[in-house]
Amino acid sequence: MDGRTSTSVFESPASGAATPEARSGARQPASSPATPGATHGRLTIDPARLAAWLQPHLPELGGAALHVQALDGGQSNPSWVLQAADRRWVLRAKPGPAAELPRSAHAIEREFEVMSVLRLAGFPVAPVRVLCEDESVIGAAFYVMDFLAGRVLRDGALPELPVAERAAYHWEANRVLARLHQLDWAQLGLQGYGRAGGYFERTVRRWSQQYRAAAAVTGEIPPMERLADWLPGHIPAGADEPACTRLTHGDFRMENLMFHPERPEVVAVMDWELSTLGHPLSDLAYCCTAWHLPPGLLRGLGERVDGVPSERAFVQRYCEQAGLAPEDVLAHWPLYMAFSLFRISAILAGIGVRARQGNAANARASDIAALAEPVAEMAWRIASGQQPPLHV
């Protein structure tokens, strides 16, 4: 579904350096031994029950005892590392029974579907092994994928890397994003993964509805009201035509990429919960919000960082790889950027609701949610011409 409900974006903690071996869809576990019945949020896994269900699907388990360990990270879909002897996998689940969740949220079935297809197409994702929709096994639907070794660089400024190496990682992210948008989603059998055409119109309407549902609880945000009125009338001509439709990730940013342990090579793109058939420039602009957002909770760059390409250079490189004219893309950049920031603000407003209800995934949810209005104000300044839409 386009404009999917999100409960994951920006809810991972603002931690520091990446580990040499990291998650595939979840954070690297601590080194302490796993404990049976590991609990994450509302779910508790019984290792013996899980192992019995997995055995026909993961013959590698053999007769080894299954250990489970909850992963840190505040992800909306709780995750665990599973270990049997010297083999490891990652289990990613919905946070509870489907009946208790918003209809389009926590879409692990979609993640499993798209990752299965992308792996066959040679696109870098973790190999998925099995999907379980029987909620009696652990209390919610889940899937299991292979545990990959790699680096997750959570801060786009890449402070853990030498200045001279930083650009290569951003260019690799750029290359992978362009490659995603060049895939033929129809040929891959993803015709039912979303709707061709009408992406911006539908998505603005959906996020406006979700913002207003949150505002009924946390209070109105004036710039969001202005944006909800402005955006529909400024969608570029032809942008909602079916011919523009591509497979989009929906949350493409540095933190959701796993790199090779030693070089700037993406080994897996993670967290496909918000993926859909959409407009490729929505993915590009969303990725570029890092140049506009402050560092810290929102993981923005805040200002020019040594070694990191400028936003303009990043957009131009993408256009070169995607066969687009940079001047045509940049002519409508205020719309694309305001749209992306509007979406982020709506997500932050939703986090505010969960913070009030006491079921937010992150301990700092209230602080994160407080940024909804400043982000919306930034979007409105860009939309109204008060602030440049592009960092050079």
Protein backbone atom coordinates (compact mmCIF):
# COMPACT_ATOMS: atom_id res chain seq x y z
CA MET A 1 0.00 0.00 0.00
CA ASP A 2 1.29 3.49 -0.81
CA GLY A 3 1.92 5.88 2.08
CA ARG A 4 2.29 2.98 4.46
CA THR A 5 1.95 3.54 8.19
CA SER A 6 5.39 3.77 9.76
CA THR A 7 6.38 3.10 13.32
CA SER A 8 10.05 2.57 12.65
CA VAL A 9 11.60 5.61 11.03
CA PHE A 10 13.81 7.57 13.43
CA GLU A 11 13.02 5.33 16.39
CA SER A 12 16.42 3.70 16.55
CA PRO A 13 18.70 5.17 19.22
CA ALA A 14 21.41 7.64 18.30
CA SER A 15 24.30 5.38 19.10
CA GLY A 16 27.91 5.69 18.10
CA ALA A 17 30.30 3.66 16.00
CA ALA A 18 29.43 0.59 14.05
CA THR A 19 30.61 -2.79 15.18
CA PRO A 20 32.82 -4.94 12.96
CA GLU A 21 30.04 -7.52 12.74
CA ALA A 22 26.53 -6.16 12.69
CA ARG A 23 22.88 -6.86 12.11
CA SER A 24 20.92 -7.86 9.08
CA GLY A 25 17.67 -6.08 9.80
CA ALA A 26 18.47 -5.58 13.49
CA ARG A 27 21.23 -4.31 15.73
CA GLN A 28 24.26 -6.45 16.61
CA PRO A 29 23.67 -8.22 19.95
CA ALA A 30 25.77 -7.72 23.02
CA SER A 31 28.37 -10.37 23.75
CA SER A 32 26.64 -11.72 26.85
CA PRO A 33 25.18 -15.22 26.54
CA ALA A 34 21.59 -15.55 25.37
CA THR A 35 18.92 -16.51 27.88
CA PRO A 36 16.06 -18.86 27.06
CA GLY A 37 12.70 -17.17 26.52
CA ALA A 38 14.28 -13.84 25.49
CA THR A 39 11.74 -11.04 25.76
CA HIS A 40 11.47 -8.03 23.47
CA GLY A 41 8.59 -5.64 24.06
CA ARG A 42 5.41 -7.65 24.47
CA LEU A 43 6.81 -10.83 22.95
CA THR A 44 8.66 -13.65 24.67
CA ILE A 45 10.20 -16.47 22.67
CA ASP A 46 10.22 -20.03 23.98
CA PRO A 47 13.35 -21.46 22.27
CA ALA A 48 12.14 -25.06 22.36
CA ARG A 49 8.77 -24.21 20.81
CA LEU A 50 10.40 -22.05 18.16
CA ALA A 51 13.01 -24.71 17.35
CA ALA A 52 10.30 -27.32 16.88
CA TRP A 53 8.53 -25.10 14.36
CA LEU A 54 11.75 -24.13 12.57
CA GLN A 55 13.22 -27.60 12.24
CA PRO A 56 11.53 -28.52 8.93
CA HIS A 57 12.49 -25.13 7.48
CA LEU A 58 16.04 -24.83 8.85
CA PRO A 59 17.54 -28.31 8.69
CA GLU A 60 20.88 -26.75 9.69
CA LEU A 61 19.52 -26.64 13.24
CA GLY A 62 20.15 -30.36 13.52
CA GLY A 63 19.82 -31.41 17.11
CA ALA A 64 21.63 -28.38 18.53
CA ALA A 65 19.97 -26.33 21.24
CA LEU A 66 18.52 -23.04 19.99
CA HIS A 67 19.53 -19.90 21.85
CA VAL A 68 17.71 -16.61 21.36
CA GLN A 69 18.83 -13.11 22.25
CA ALA A 70 16.79 -9.96 21.86
CA LEU A 71 18.46 -7.24 19.84
CA ASP A 72 18.73 -3.65 20.94
CA GLY A 73 17.68 -0.91 18.61
CA GLY A 74 14.16 0.34 19.23
CA GLN A 75 13.04 -0.99 15.87
CA SER A 76 9.26 -1.11 15.45
CA ASN A 77 9.56 -4.76 14.50
CA PRO A 78 11.39 -6.51 17.37
CA SER A 79 14.27 -8.76 16.37
CA TRP A 80 16.33 -11.53 17.89
CA VAL A 81 19.51 -13.39 17.01
CA LEU A 82 19.00 -17.14 16.87
CA GLN A 83 22.03 -19.34 17.40
CA ALA A 84 22.45 -23.10 17.14
CA ALA A 85 26.02 -24.38 17.44
CA ASP A 86 28.05 -22.12 15.13
CA ARG A 87 25.12 -20.98 12.93
CA ARG A 88 23.22 -17.71 13.39
CA TRP A 89 20.07 -16.19 11.95
CA VAL A 90 17.95 -13.09 12.64
CA LEU A 91 14.27 -13.38 13.51
CA ARG A 92 12.18 -10.27 12.82
CA ALA A 93 8.62 -10.13 14.12
CA LYS A 94 5.59 -7.94 14.38
CA PRO A 95 5.38 -6.38 17.85
CA GLY A 96 2.16 -8.23 18.65
CA PRO A 97 -0.86 -10.01 17.19
CA ALA A 98 -2.12 -8.51 13.93
CA ALA A 99 -5.52 -7.79 15.45
CA GLU A 100 -3.91 -5.29 17.83
CA LEU A 101 -1.92 -3.40 15.17
CA PRO A 102 -2.76 -0.76 12.55
CA ARG A 103 -3.73 -2.47 9.31
CA SER A 104 -0.77 -1.30 7.20
CA ALA A 105 1.93 -1.14 9.88
CA HIS A 106 4.71 -3.60 10.76
CA ALA A 107 4.46 -5.21 7.33
CA ILE A 108 6.94 -8.03 7.75
CA GLU A 109 5.08 -10.14 5.17
CA ARG A 110 5.86 -7.47 2.59
CA GLU A 111 9.47 -7.35 3.73
CA PHE A 112 9.74 -11.09 3.27
CA GLU A 113 8.13 -10.93 -0.17
CA VAL A 114 10.25 -8.14 -1.57
CA MET A 115 13.51 -9.42 -0.09
CA SER A 116 12.86 -12.86 -1.57
CA VAL A 117 12.40 -11.32 -5.01
CA LEU A 118 15.33 -8.93 -4.73
CA ARG A 119 17.71 -11.68 -3.64
CA LEU A 120 16.84 -13.66 -6.75
CA ALA A 121 17.45 -10.53 -8.84
CA GLY A 122 20.96 -10.17 -7.40
CA PHE A 123 20.15 -7.04 -5.38
CA PRO A 124 21.98 -6.86 -2.01
CA VAL A 125 19.61 -8.06 0.72
CA ALA A 126 19.95 -10.73 3.39
CA PRO A 127 18.77 -14.19 2.31
CA VAL A 128 15.35 -14.81 3.88
CA ARG A 129 14.59 -18.35 4.96
CA VAL A 130 11.02 -18.73 6.16
CA LEU A 131 7.90 -16.69 6.95
CA CYS A 132 5.62 -17.77 9.81
CA GLU A 133 2.13 -16.27 10.01
CA ASP A 134 1.03 -18.66 12.74
CA GLU A 135 0.87 -16.31 15.74
CA SER A 136 0.77 -19.21 18.20
CA VAL A 137 4.52 -19.88 17.76
CA ILE A 138 5.83 -16.69 19.40
CA GLY A 139 2.70 -14.51 19.69
CA ALA A 140 3.09 -12.70 16.36
CA ALA A 141 3.99 -13.29 12.74
CA PHE A 142 7.72 -13.38 12.00
CA TYR A 143 10.32 -14.30 9.44
CA VAL A 144 13.87 -15.61 9.68
CA MET A 145 16.81 -14.46 7.57
CA ASP A 146 20.52 -15.19 7.54
CA PHE A 147 22.79 -13.26 9.87
CA LEU A 148 25.31 -11.30 7.81
CA ALA A 149 28.70 -9.93 8.78
CA GLY A 150 29.23 -6.28 7.99
CA ARG A 151 29.29 -2.69 9.20
CA VAL A 152 26.29 -0.49 9.91
CA LEU A 153 27.36 3.15 9.86
CA ARG A 154 24.54 4.83 11.74
CA ASP A 155 25.68 8.44 11.44
CA GLY A 156 25.76 9.82 7.89
CA ALA A 157 28.66 12.07 8.85
CA LEU A 158 30.72 8.85 9.16
CA PRO A 159 32.82 10.08 12.10
CA GLU A 160 34.40 6.63 12.51
CA LEU A 161 35.95 6.80 9.03
CA PRO A 162 38.95 8.82 7.83
CA VAL A 163 37.87 11.93 5.94
CA ALA A 164 39.39 10.63 2.71
CA GLU A 165 37.20 7.49 2.81
CA ARG A 166 33.81 9.04 3.54
CA ALA A 167 32.77 10.04 0.04
CA ALA A 168 33.16 6.49 -1.28
CA TYR A 169 30.52 5.20 1.15
CA HIS A 170 28.03 7.88 0.11
CA TRP A 171 28.70 7.21 -3.56
CA GLU A 172 28.10 3.50 -2.98
CA ALA A 173 24.78 4.28 -1.27
CA ASN A 174 23.92 6.47 -4.24
CA ARG A 175 24.78 3.70 -6.70
CA VAL A 176 22.66 1.13 -4.88
CA LEU A 177 19.67 3.48 -4.73
CA ALA A 178 19.88 4.15 -8.46
CA ARG A 179 20.18 0.43 -9.12
CA LEU A 180 17.05 -0.28 -7.08
CA HIS A 181 15.08 2.17 -9.19
CA GLN A 182 16.33 0.60 -12.41
CA LEU A 183 14.85 -2.81 -11.57
CA ASP A 184 11.84 -3.85 -13.62
CA TRP A 185 9.29 -4.41 -10.87
CA ALA A 186 6.74 -5.91 -13.26
CA GLN A 187 9.24 -8.42 -14.60
CA LEU A 188 10.07 -9.32 -11.00
CA GLY A 189 6.43 -10.20 -10.39
CA LEU A 190 5.67 -7.28 -8.07
CA GLN A 191 2.54 -6.03 -9.87
CA GLY A 192 0.52 -6.48 -6.70
CA TYR A 193 3.04 -4.73 -4.46
CA GLY A 194 1.43 -1.31 -4.93
CA ARG A 195 -0.37 0.78 -7.49
CA ALA A 196 1.20 2.23 -10.61
CA GLY A 197 0.77 5.99 -10.77
CA GLY A 198 -0.79 8.48 -8.39
CA TYR A 199 1.90 7.99 -5.76
CA PHE A 200 2.34 11.59 -4.57
CA GLU A 201 -1.38 12.36 -4.47
CA ARG A 202 -2.19 9.21 -2.50
CA THR A 203 0.77 9.54 -0.17
CA VAL A 204 0.08 13.18 0.71
CA ARG A 205 -3.52 12.25 1.46
CA ARG A 206 -2.51 9.26 3.60
CA TRP A 207 0.12 11.12 5.63
CA SER A 208 -2.25 14.06 6.09
CA GLN A 209 -4.78 11.66 7.58
CA GLN A 210 -2.20 10.08 9.82
CA TYR A 211 -0.89 13.46 10.97
CA ARG A 212 -4.42 14.64 11.81
CA ALA A 213 -5.13 11.45 13.74
CA ALA A 214 -2.01 12.16 15.79
CA ALA A 215 -2.88 15.84 16.14
CA ALA A 216 -6.18 14.87 17.75
CA VAL A 217 -4.09 13.44 20.59
CA THR A 218 -0.97 15.64 20.72
CA GLY A 219 -2.20 18.94 19.24
CA GLU A 220 -2.21 20.67 15.87
CA ILE A 221 1.03 21.66 14.13
CA PRO A 222 0.31 24.81 12.05
CA PRO A 223 2.98 24.28 9.36
CA MET A 224 1.67 20.75 8.81
CA GLU A 225 -1.77 22.17 8.12
CA ARG A 226 -0.28 24.57 5.56
CA LEU A 227 1.74 21.81 3.91
CA ALA A 228 -1.27 19.50 3.68
CA ASP A 229 -2.97 22.21 1.63
CA TRP A 230 0.11 23.22 -0.43
CA LEU A 231 1.53 19.85 -1.49
CA PRO A 232 -1.36 18.49 -3.62
CA GLY A 233 -1.31 21.56 -5.84
CA HIS A 234 2.44 21.47 -6.48
CA ILE A 235 2.99 17.88 -7.65
CA PRO A 236 5.09 18.15 -10.85
CA ALA A 237 3.22 17.54 -14.08
CA GLY A 238 3.52 13.88 -15.06
CA ALA A 239 5.05 12.77 -11.74
CA ASP A 240 1.99 10.71 -10.87
CA GLU A 241 1.81 8.99 -14.25
CA PRO A 242 2.16 5.18 -14.21
CA ALA A 243 5.31 5.42 -16.35
CA CYS A 244 7.15 7.02 -13.40
CA THR A 245 6.48 4.08 -11.09
CA ARG A 246 9.46 2.27 -9.61
CA LEU A 247 10.08 -0.05 -6.67
CA THR A 248 10.94 2.27 -3.76
CA HIS A 249 12.47 1.46 -0.38
CA GLY A 250 10.70 4.17 1.62
CA ASP A 251 13.38 4.50 4.32
CA PHE A 252 16.63 4.63 2.35
CA ARG A 253 19.34 6.18 4.54
CA MET A 254 22.85 5.32 5.67
CA GLU A 255 21.68 3.54 8.83
CA ASN A 256 19.68 1.03 6.80
CA LEU A 257 22.67 -0.12 4.78
CA MET A 258 25.11 -2.83 5.77
CA PHE A 259 28.58 -2.42 4.29
CA HIS A 260 31.35 -4.92 3.80
CA PRO A 261 33.52 -5.05 6.95
CA GLU A 262 36.51 -3.49 5.18
CA ARG A 263 35.41 -1.60 2.07
CA PRO A 264 32.65 0.70 0.73
CA GLU A 265 30.46 -2.05 -0.68
CA VAL A 266 26.83 -2.49 0.34
CA VAL A 267 26.23 -6.14 1.23
CA ALA A 268 22.61 -5.65 2.31
CA VAL A 269 19.89 -3.02 2.23
CA MET A 270 17.75 -3.50 5.33
CA ASP A 271 14.35 -2.57 6.78
CA TRP A 272 11.96 -2.85 3.81
CA GLU A 273 8.83 -2.27 5.90
CA LEU A 274 7.89 0.89 3.97
CA SER A 275 8.78 -0.34 0.50
CA THR A 276 6.15 0.00 -2.22
CA LEU A 277 5.63 0.93 -5.84
CA GLY A 278 6.19 4.66 -5.87
CA HIS A 279 8.17 7.51 -7.36
CA PRO A 280 11.97 7.15 -7.34
CA LEU A 281 12.58 10.80 -6.49
CA SER A 282 10.66 10.34 -3.24
CA ASP A 283 13.41 7.89 -2.20
CA LEU A 284 16.17 10.23 -3.37
CA ALA A 285 14.75 13.28 -1.60
CA TYR A 286 14.10 11.31 1.57
CA CYS A 287 17.73 10.17 1.55
CA CYS A 288 18.79 13.80 1.05
CA THR A 289 16.87 15.01 4.11
CA ALA A 290 20.07 14.14 6.00
CA TRP A 291 21.58 17.37 4.67
CA HIS A 292 18.67 19.35 6.16
CA LEU A 293 18.05 17.64 9.50
CA PRO A 294 20.05 18.32 12.66
CA PRO A 295 22.52 15.76 14.00
CA GLY A 296 21.58 13.65 16.99
CA LEU A 297 18.16 12.10 17.29
CA LEU A 298 17.29 12.51 13.61
CA ARG A 299 20.78 11.55 12.43
CA GLY A 300 21.08 14.57 10.17
CA LEU A 301 24.31 16.12 8.96
CA GLY A 302 23.33 19.56 10.20
CA GLU A 303 26.04 21.29 8.19
CA ARG A 304 28.74 20.50 5.66
CA VAL A 305 30.88 17.62 6.92
CA ASP A 306 34.46 17.07 5.79
CA GLY A 307 34.66 14.32 3.23
CA VAL A 308 30.89 13.99 2.72
CA PRO A 309 29.60 15.03 -0.73
CA SER A 310 27.26 17.99 -0.92
CA GLU A 311 23.56 17.40 -1.45
CA ARG A 312 23.79 18.91 -4.94
CA ALA A 313 26.64 16.53 -5.85
CA PHE A 314 24.67 13.58 -4.46
CA VAL A 315 21.61 14.48 -6.56
CA GLN A 316 23.69 15.03 -9.67
CA ARG A 317 25.45 11.68 -9.28
CA TYR A 318 22.11 9.91 -8.90
CA CYS A 319 20.77 11.62 -12.03
CA GLU A 320 23.83 10.49 -14.01
CA GLN A 321 23.24 6.87 -12.99
CA ALA A 322 19.46 7.00 -13.47
CA GLY A 323 19.62 8.75 -16.84
CA LEU A 324 17.80 11.86 -15.62
CA ALA A 325 18.50 15.51 -16.41
CA PRO A 326 19.66 17.17 -13.15
CA GLU A 327 18.08 20.48 -14.11
CA ASP A 328 14.67 18.83 -14.47
CA VAL A 329 14.95 17.13 -11.07
CA LEU A 330 16.24 20.24 -9.31
CA ALA A 331 13.49 22.39 -10.83
CA HIS A 332 11.01 20.55 -8.62
CA TRP A 333 13.30 19.90 -5.66
CA PRO A 334 11.30 22.18 -3.30
CA LEU A 335 8.30 19.88 -3.75
CA TYR A 336 10.30 16.67 -3.31
CA MET A 337 12.08 17.95 -0.21
CA ALA A 338 8.98 19.50 1.38
CA PHE A 339 7.12 16.24 0.71
CA SER A 340 9.85 14.20 2.43
CA LEU A 341 10.04 16.47 5.46
CA PHE A 342 6.23 16.54 5.69
CA ARG A 343 6.25 12.75 5.82
CA ILE A 344 8.95 12.74 8.52
CA SER A 345 6.99 15.23 10.61
CA ALA A 346 3.87 13.07 10.34
CA ILE A 347 5.91 10.08 11.51
CA LEU A 348 7.29 12.07 14.43
CA ALA A 349 3.77 13.14 15.39
CA GLY A 350 2.78 9.47 15.47
CA ILE A 351 5.72 8.70 17.73
CA GLY A 352 4.37 11.40 20.03
CA VAL A 353 1.09 9.54 20.32
CA ARG A 354 2.84 6.31 21.22
CA ALA A 355 5.00 8.17 23.76
CA ARG A 356 1.89 9.44 25.48
CA GLN A 357 0.37 5.97 25.43
CA GLY A 358 3.55 4.48 26.89
CA ASN A 359 4.19 2.02 24.05
CA ALA A 360 6.85 3.83 22.01
CA ALA A 361 9.79 1.68 20.93
CA ASN A 362 12.45 4.15 22.01
CA ALA A 363 13.10 5.45 25.51
CA ARG A 364 13.68 8.93 24.05
CA ALA A 365 10.45 8.90 22.06
CA SER A 366 9.16 12.09 23.66
CA ASP A 367 12.33 13.96 22.69
CA ILE A 368 12.12 12.59 19.16
CA ALA A 369 8.44 13.48 18.84
CA ALA A 370 9.12 17.07 19.95
CA LEU A 371 10.97 17.59 16.67
CA ALA A 372 7.77 17.19 14.62
CA GLU A 373 7.00 20.90 14.58
CA PRO A 374 10.56 22.14 13.80
CA VAL A 375 10.78 19.65 10.92
CA ALA A 376 7.39 20.75 9.59
CA GLU A 377 8.43 24.38 9.88
CA MET A 378 11.57 23.65 7.87
CA ALA A 379 9.44 21.96 5.20
CA TRP A 380 7.12 24.94 5.02
CA ARG A 381 10.01 27.39 4.70
CA ILE A 382 11.29 25.36 1.74
CA ALA A 383 7.82 25.08 0.18
CA SER A 384 7.16 28.81 0.55
CA GLY A 385 10.58 29.86 -0.78
CA GLN A 386 11.87 31.20 2.53
CA GLN A 387 14.69 28.63 2.68
CA PRO A 388 16.83 27.09 -0.07
CA PRO A 389 15.67 23.55 -0.90
CA LEU A 390 19.18 22.30 -1.70
CA HIS A 391 22.51 22.37 0.12
CA VAL A 392 25.42 23.10 -2.19
